[in-house]
């Protein structure tokens, strides 16, 4: 699996993190410190995992879908 070049965690590290959270082995602040991310980021990945399963942990582009300054080519 390709990892987004700006991603702090790979898919497997995200999966490991949420599995530890679900198993109550760590709490959100501990996971944030251990994985080098913020608590809101940990909550985001946990929420995505709970809503979508492993697919929710996949890399996604951070590129905006709409650019208001984009030039229209004719």
PDB file of N, CA and C in Angstrom:
ATOM      1  N   UNK A   1       0.849  -1.176   0.000  1.00  0.00           N
ATOM      2  CA  UNK A   1       0.000   0.000   0.000  1.00  0.00           C
ATOM      3  C   UNK A   1       0.890   1.233   0.000  1.00  0.00           C
ATOM      4  N   UNK A   2       0.617   2.151  -0.870  1.00  0.00           N
ATOM      5  CA  UNK A   2       1.375   3.399  -0.908  1.00  0.00           C
ATOM      6  C   UNK A   2       0.985   4.267   0.273  1.00  0.00           C
ATOM      7  N   UNK A   3       1.967   4.901   0.867  1.00  0.00           N
ATOM      8  CA  UNK A   3       1.705   5.795   1.983  1.00  0.00           C
ATOM      9  C   UNK A   3       1.806   7.227   1.502  1.00  0.00           C
ATOM     10  N   UNK A   4       0.824   8.005   1.841  1.00  0.00           N
ATOM     11  CA  UNK A   4       0.776   9.424   1.545  1.00  0.00           C
ATOM     12  C   UNK A   4       2.066  10.050   2.070  1.00  0.00           C
ATOM     13  N   UNK A   5       2.750  10.884   1.290  1.00  0.00           N
ATOM     14  CA  UNK A   5       4.078  11.355   1.702  1.00  0.00           C
ATOM     15  C   UNK A   5       4.065  12.233   2.946  1.00  0.00           C
ATOM     16  N   UNK A   6       2.923  12.824   3.289  1.00  0.00           N
ATOM     17  CA  UNK A   6       2.848  13.663   4.485  1.00  0.00           C
ATOM     18  C   UNK A   6       2.189  12.938   5.666  1.00  0.00           C
ATOM     19  N   UNK A   7       1.825  11.687   5.492  1.00  0.00           N
ATOM     20  CA  UNK A   7       1.149  10.935   6.550  1.00  0.00           C
ATOM     21  C   UNK A   7       2.128  10.626   7.681  1.00  0.00           C
ATOM     22  N   UNK A   8       1.696  10.858   8.896  1.00  0.00           N
ATOM     23  CA  UNK A   8       2.537  10.542  10.059  1.00  0.00           C
ATOM     24  C   UNK A   8       2.549   9.047  10.334  1.00  0.00           C
ATOM     25  N   UNK A   9       1.415   8.391  10.051  1.00  0.00           N
ATOM     26  CA  UNK A   9       1.295   6.968  10.334  1.00  0.00           C
ATOM     27  C   UNK A   9       0.930   6.198   9.072  1.00  0.00           C
ATOM     28  N   UNK A  10       1.465   5.010   8.963  1.00  0.00           N
ATOM     29  CA  UNK A  10       1.071   4.136   7.865  1.00  0.00           C
ATOM     30  C   UNK A  10      -0.264   3.485   8.215  1.00  0.00           C
ATOM     31  N   UNK A  11      -0.854   2.838   7.242  1.00  0.00           N
ATOM     32  CA  UNK A  11      -2.106   2.118   7.471  1.00  0.00           C
ATOM     33  C   UNK A  11      -1.950   1.127   8.626  1.00  0.00           C
ATOM     34  N   UNK A  12      -0.862   0.366   8.627  1.00  0.00           N
ATOM     35  CA  UNK A  12      -0.668  -0.652   9.663  1.00  0.00           C
ATOM     36  C   UNK A  12      -0.500  -0.041  11.048  1.00  0.00           C
ATOM     37  N   UNK A  13       0.178   1.101  11.139  1.00  0.00           N
ATOM     38  CA  UNK A  13       0.335   1.773  12.447  1.00  0.00           C
ATOM     39  C   UNK A  13      -1.005   2.330  12.928  1.00  0.00           C
ATOM     40  N   UNK A  14      -1.826   2.855  12.005  1.00  0.00           N
ATOM     41  CA  UNK A  14      -3.162   3.331  12.384  1.00  0.00           C
ATOM     42  C   UNK A  14      -4.006   2.178  12.907  1.00  0.00           C
ATOM     43  N   UNK A  15      -3.947   1.051  12.199  1.00  0.00           N
ATOM     44  CA  UNK A  15      -4.708  -0.129  12.609  1.00  0.00           C
ATOM     45  C   UNK A  15      -4.253  -0.608  13.983  1.00  0.00           C
ATOM     46  N   UNK A  16      -2.959  -0.664  14.199  1.00  0.00           N
ATOM     47  CA  UNK A  16      -2.405  -1.062  15.497  1.00  0.00           C
ATOM     48  C   UNK A  16      -2.910  -0.127  16.598  1.00  0.00           C
ATOM     49  N   UNK A  17      -2.910   1.170  16.319  1.00  0.00           N
ATOM     50  CA  UNK A  17      -3.338   2.161  17.301  1.00  0.00           C
ATOM     51  C   UNK A  17      -4.808   1.971  17.677  1.00  0.00           C
ATOM     52  N   UNK A  18      -5.689   1.856  16.686  1.00  0.00           N
ATOM     53  CA  UNK A  18      -7.116   1.730  17.010  1.00  0.00           C
ATOM     54  C   UNK A  18      -7.415   0.391  17.674  1.00  0.00           C
ATOM     55  N   UNK A  19      -6.682  -0.652  17.324  1.00  0.00           N
ATOM     56  CA  UNK A  19      -6.891  -1.941  17.985  1.00  0.00           C
ATOM     57  C   UNK A  19      -6.514  -1.859  19.458  1.00  0.00           C
ATOM     58  N   UNK A  20      -5.448  -1.130  19.773  1.00  0.00           N
ATOM     59  CA  UNK A  20      -5.062  -0.945  21.174  1.00  0.00           C
ATOM     60  C   UNK A  20      -6.112  -0.123  21.918  1.00  0.00           C
ATOM     61  N   UNK A  21      -6.672   0.878  21.249  1.00  0.00           N
ATOM     62  CA  UNK A  21      -7.711   1.695  21.878  1.00  0.00           C
ATOM     63  C   UNK A  21      -8.959   0.866  22.158  1.00  0.00           C
ATOM     64  N   UNK A  22      -9.373   0.067  21.179  1.00  0.00           N
ATOM     65  CA  UNK A  22     -10.578  -0.746  21.334  1.00  0.00           C
ATOM     66  C   UNK A  22     -10.395  -1.801  22.422  1.00  0.00           C
ATOM     67  N   UNK A  23      -9.198  -2.346  22.528  1.00  0.00           N
ATOM     68  CA  UNK A  23      -8.906  -3.359  23.549  1.00  0.00           C
ATOM     69  C   UNK A  23      -8.656  -2.728  24.922  1.00  0.00           C
ATOM     70  N   UNK A  24      -8.770  -1.404  25.011  1.00  0.00           N
ATOM     71  CA  UNK A  24      -8.552  -0.654  26.258  1.00  0.00           C
ATOM     72  C   UNK A  24      -7.142  -0.846  26.806  1.00  0.00           C
ATOM     73  N   UNK A  25      -6.179  -1.053  25.904  1.00  0.00           N
ATOM     74  CA  UNK A  25      -4.785  -1.169  26.333  1.00  0.00           C
ATOM     75  C   UNK A  25      -4.167   0.210  26.557  1.00  0.00           C
ATOM     76  N   UNK A  26      -4.682   1.211  25.856  1.00  0.00           N
ATOM     77  CA  UNK A  26      -4.215   2.594  26.011  1.00  0.00           C
ATOM     78  C   UNK A  26      -5.415   3.528  25.929  1.00  0.00           C
ATOM     79  N   UNK A  27      -5.261   4.737  26.474  1.00  0.00           N
ATOM     80  CA  UNK A  27      -6.292   5.763  26.330  1.00  0.00           C
ATOM     81  C   UNK A  27      -5.837   6.728  25.228  1.00  0.00           C
ATOM     82  N   UNK A  28      -6.719   7.619  24.824  1.00  0.00           N
ATOM     83  CA  UNK A  28      -6.427   8.522  23.703  1.00  0.00           C
ATOM     84  C   UNK A  28      -5.155   9.339  23.930  1.00  0.00           C
ATOM     85  N   UNK A  29      -4.976  10.005  25.073  1.00  0.00           N
ATOM     86  CA  UNK A  29      -3.737  10.787  25.253  1.00  0.00           C
ATOM     87  C   UNK A  29      -2.471   9.928  25.205  1.00  0.00           C
ATOM     88  N   UNK A  30      -2.534   8.711  25.762  1.00  0.00           N
ATOM     89  CA  UNK A  30      -1.371   7.816  25.715  1.00  0.00           C
ATOM     90  C   UNK A  30      -1.061   7.406  24.280  1.00  0.00           C
ATOM     91  N   UNK A  31      -2.099   7.087  23.515  1.00  0.00           N
ATOM     92  CA  UNK A  31      -1.907   6.704  22.111  1.00  0.00           C
ATOM     93  C   UNK A  31      -1.321   7.868  21.321  1.00  0.00           C
ATOM     94  N   UNK A  32      -1.810   9.074  21.585  1.00  0.00           N
ATOM     95  CA  UNK A  32      -1.309  10.254  20.875  1.00  0.00           C
ATOM     96  C   UNK A  32       0.189  10.426  21.119  1.00  0.00           C
ATOM     97  N   UNK A  33       0.604  10.306  22.369  1.00  0.00           N
ATOM     98  CA  UNK A  33       2.034  10.429  22.693  1.00  0.00           C
ATOM     99  C   UNK A  33       2.841   9.297  22.061  1.00  0.00           C
ATOM    100  N   UNK A  34       2.346   8.090  22.177  1.00  0.00           N
ATOM    101  CA  UNK A  34       3.083   6.926  21.682  1.00  0.00           C
ATOM    102  C   UNK A  34       3.263   6.941  20.165  1.00  0.00           C
ATOM    103  N   UNK A  35       2.268   7.463  19.457  1.00  0.00           N
ATOM    104  CA  UNK A  35       2.319   7.438  17.992  1.00  0.00           C
ATOM    105  C   UNK A  35       2.706   8.781  17.378  1.00  0.00           C
ATOM    106  N   UNK A  36       2.982   9.773  18.211  1.00  0.00           N
ATOM    107  CA  UNK A  36       3.471  11.058  17.710  1.00  0.00           C
ATOM    108  C   UNK A  36       2.441  11.883  16.964  1.00  0.00           C
ATOM    109  N   UNK A  37       1.182  11.765  17.371  1.00  0.00           N
ATOM    110  CA  UNK A  37       0.107  12.553  16.764  1.00  0.00           C
ATOM    111  C   UNK A  37      -0.679  13.230  17.881  1.00  0.00           C
ATOM    112  N   UNK A  38      -1.640  14.074  17.521  1.00  0.00           N
ATOM    113  CA  UNK A  38      -2.444  14.760  18.526  1.00  0.00           C
ATOM    114  C   UNK A  38      -3.641  13.904  18.927  1.00  0.00           C
ATOM    115  N   UNK A  39      -4.214  14.219  20.088  1.00  0.00           N
ATOM    116  CA  UNK A  39      -5.402  13.497  20.553  1.00  0.00           C
ATOM    117  C   UNK A  39      -6.566  13.621  19.562  1.00  0.00           C
ATOM    118  N   UNK A  40      -6.822  14.819  18.972  1.00  0.00           N
ATOM    119  CA  UNK A  40      -7.894  14.884  17.969  1.00  0.00           C
ATOM    120  C   UNK A  40      -7.643  13.966  16.768  1.00  0.00           C
ATOM    121  N   UNK A  41      -6.384  13.793  16.391  1.00  0.00           N
ATOM    122  CA  UNK A  41      -6.065  12.888  15.284  1.00  0.00           C
ATOM    123  C   UNK A  41      -6.372  11.442  15.677  1.00  0.00           C
ATOM    124  N   UNK A  42      -6.043  11.070  16.896  1.00  0.00           N
ATOM    125  CA  UNK A  42      -6.349   9.716  17.381  1.00  0.00           C
ATOM    126  C   UNK A  42      -7.858   9.495  17.356  1.00  0.00           C
ATOM    127  N   UNK A  43      -8.618  10.472  17.845  1.00  0.00           N
ATOM    128  CA  UNK A  43     -10.083  10.350  17.848  1.00  0.00           C
ATOM    129  C   UNK A  43     -10.635  10.260  16.426  1.00  0.00           C
ATOM    130  N   UNK A  44     -10.031  11.019  15.501  1.00  0.00           N
ATOM    131  CA  UNK A  44     -10.460  10.990  14.098  1.00  0.00           C
ATOM    132  C   UNK A  44     -10.284   9.590  13.528  1.00  0.00           C
ATOM    133  N   UNK A  45      -9.107   8.986  13.728  1.00  0.00           N
ATOM    134  CA  UNK A  45      -8.857   7.651  13.184  1.00  0.00           C
ATOM    135  C   UNK A  45      -9.732   6.607  13.854  1.00  0.00           C
ATOM    136  N   UNK A  46      -9.952   6.740  15.149  1.00  0.00           N
ATOM    137  CA  UNK A  46     -10.826   5.799  15.848  1.00  0.00           C
ATOM    138  C   UNK A  46     -12.252   5.904  15.310  1.00  0.00           C
ATOM    139  N   UNK A  47     -12.735   7.129  15.128  1.00  0.00           N
ATOM    140  CA  UNK A  47     -14.082   7.330  14.585  1.00  0.00           C
ATOM    141  C   UNK A  47     -14.229   6.763  13.189  1.00  0.00           C
ATOM    142  N   UNK A  48     -13.220   6.975  12.363  1.00  0.00           N
ATOM    143  CA  UNK A  48     -13.263   6.433  10.997  1.00  0.00           C
ATOM    144  C   UNK A  48     -13.266   4.910  11.015  1.00  0.00           C
ATOM    145  N   UNK A  49     -12.477   4.332  11.919  1.00  0.00           N
ATOM    146  CA  UNK A  49     -12.433   2.876  12.009  1.00  0.00           C
ATOM    147  C   UNK A  49     -13.778   2.326  12.466  1.00  0.00           C
ATOM    148  N   UNK A  50     -14.382   2.955  13.463  1.00  0.00           N
ATOM    149  CA  UNK A  50     -15.669   2.482  13.967  1.00  0.00           C
ATOM    150  C   UNK A  50     -16.771   2.625  12.922  1.00  0.00           C
ATOM    151  N   UNK A  51     -16.691   3.659  12.091  1.00  0.00           N
ATOM    152  CA  UNK A  51     -17.718   3.895  11.072  1.00  0.00           C
ATOM    153  C   UNK A  51     -17.514   3.060   9.811  1.00  0.00           C
ATOM    154  N   UNK A  52     -16.254   2.874   9.402  1.00  0.00           N
ATOM    155  CA  UNK A  52     -15.980   2.263   8.101  1.00  0.00           C
ATOM    156  C   UNK A  52     -15.131   1.000   8.165  1.00  0.00           C
ATOM    157  N   UNK A  53     -14.674   0.625   9.338  1.00  0.00           N
ATOM    158  CA  UNK A  53     -13.787  -0.530   9.437  1.00  0.00           C
ATOM    159  C   UNK A  53     -12.393  -0.179   8.953  1.00  0.00           C
ATOM    160  N   UNK A  54     -11.660  -1.187   8.510  1.00  0.00           N
ATOM    161  CA  UNK A  54     -10.281  -0.968   8.077  1.00  0.00           C
ATOM    162  C   UNK A  54     -10.188  -0.026   6.888  1.00  0.00           C
ATOM    163  N   UNK A  55     -11.219   0.011   6.054  1.00  0.00           N
ATOM    164  CA  UNK A  55     -11.211   0.910   4.889  1.00  0.00           C
ATOM    165  C   UNK A  55     -11.111   2.370   5.323  1.00  0.00           C
ATOM    166  N   UNK A  56     -11.622   2.697   6.498  1.00  0.00           N
ATOM    167  CA  UNK A  56     -11.562   4.061   7.000  1.00  0.00           C
ATOM    168  C   UNK A  56     -10.162   4.512   7.371  1.00  0.00           C
ATOM    169  N   UNK A  57      -9.236   3.570   7.482  1.00  0.00           N
ATOM    170  CA  UNK A  57      -7.857   3.895   7.852  1.00  0.00           C
ATOM    171  C   UNK A  57      -6.944   4.052   6.644  1.00  0.00           C
ATOM    172  N   UNK A  58      -7.479   3.836   5.456  1.00  0.00           N
ATOM    173  CA  UNK A  58      -6.675   3.928   4.235  1.00  0.00           C
ATOM    174  C   UNK A  58      -6.240   5.367   3.985  1.00  0.00           C
ATOM    175  N   UNK A  59      -5.103   5.508   3.311  1.00  0.00           N
ATOM    176  CA  UNK A  59      -4.617   6.834   2.945  1.00  0.00           C
ATOM    177  C   UNK A  59      -5.600   7.504   2.001  1.00  0.00           C
ATOM    178  N   UNK A  60      -5.763   8.787   2.173  1.00  0.00           N
ATOM    179  CA  UNK A  60      -6.618   9.572   1.287  1.00  0.00           C
ATOM    180  C   UNK A  60      -5.861  10.838   0.907  1.00  0.00           C
ATOM    181  N   UNK A  61      -6.145  11.343  -0.243  1.00  0.00           N
ATOM    182  CA  UNK A  61      -5.487  12.557  -0.703  1.00  0.00           C
ATOM    183  C   UNK A  61      -5.901  13.740   0.163  1.00  0.00           C
ATOM    184  N   UNK A  62      -4.960  14.618   0.428  1.00  0.00           N
ATOM    185  CA  UNK A  62      -5.281  15.839   1.173  1.00  0.00           C
ATOM    186  C   UNK A  62      -5.493  17.007   0.221  1.00  0.00           C
ATOM    187  N   UNK A  63      -5.460  16.716  -1.065  1.00  0.00           N
ATOM    188  CA  UNK A  63      -5.658  17.745  -2.083  1.00  0.00           C
ATOM    189  C   UNK A  63      -7.117  18.200  -2.069  1.00  0.00           C
ATOM    190  N   UNK A  64      -7.360  19.502  -2.114  1.00  0.00           N
ATOM    191  CA  UNK A  64      -8.746  19.977  -2.137  1.00  0.00           C
ATOM    192  C   UNK A  64      -9.454  19.527  -3.412  1.00  0.00           C
ATOM    193  N   UNK A  65     -10.747  19.261  -3.297  1.00  0.00           N
ATOM    194  CA  UNK A  65     -11.506  18.837  -4.473  1.00  0.00           C
ATOM    195  C   UNK A  65     -11.874  20.015  -5.358  1.00  0.00           C
ATOM    196  N   UNK A  66     -11.948  21.205  -4.774  1.00  0.00           N
ATOM    197  CA  UNK A  66     -12.301  22.409  -5.526  1.00  0.00           C
ATOM    198  C   UNK A  66     -11.257  23.484  -5.243  1.00  0.00           C
ATOM    199  N   UNK A  67     -10.820  24.160  -6.281  1.00  0.00           N
ATOM    200  CA  UNK A  67      -9.877  25.255  -6.125  1.00  0.00           C
ATOM    201  C   UNK A  67     -10.520  26.521  -6.685  1.00  0.00           C
ATOM    202  N   UNK A  68     -10.881  27.476  -5.828  1.00  0.00           N
ATOM    203  CA  UNK A  68     -11.570  28.674  -6.306  1.00  0.00           C
ATOM    204  C   UNK A  68     -10.730  29.530  -7.255  1.00  0.00           C
ATOM    205  N   UNK A  69      -9.420  29.362  -7.226  1.00  0.00           N
ATOM    206  CA  UNK A  69      -8.552  30.162  -8.096  1.00  0.00           C
ATOM    207  C   UNK A  69      -8.088  29.402  -9.340  1.00  0.00           C
ATOM    208  N   UNK A  70      -8.638  28.234  -9.544  1.00  0.00           N
ATOM    209  CA  UNK A  70      -8.228  27.434 -10.699  1.00  0.00           C
ATOM    210  C   UNK A  70      -8.601  28.147 -11.992  1.00  0.00           C
ATOM    211  N   UNK A  71      -7.716  28.041 -12.959  1.00  0.00           N
ATOM    212  CA  UNK A  71      -7.968  28.646 -14.264  1.00  0.00           C
ATOM    213  C   UNK A  71      -8.830  27.717 -15.108  1.00  0.00           C
ATOM    214  N   UNK A  72      -9.740  28.300 -15.835  1.00  0.00           N
ATOM    215  CA  UNK A  72     -10.579  27.520 -16.736  1.00  0.00           C
ATOM    216  C   UNK A  72      -9.903  27.514 -18.096  1.00  0.00           C
ATOM    217  N   UNK A  73      -9.598  26.337 -18.594  1.00  0.00           N
ATOM    218  CA  UNK A  73      -8.945  26.201 -19.899  1.00  0.00           C
ATOM    219  C   UNK A  73     -10.006  26.009 -20.979  1.00  0.00           C
ATOM    220  N   UNK A  74      -9.916  26.819 -22.004  1.00  0.00           N
ATOM    221  CA  UNK A  74     -10.891  26.744 -23.108  1.00  0.00           C
ATOM    222  C   UNK A  74     -10.208  26.226 -24.344  1.00  0.00           C
TER     223      UNK A  74
END
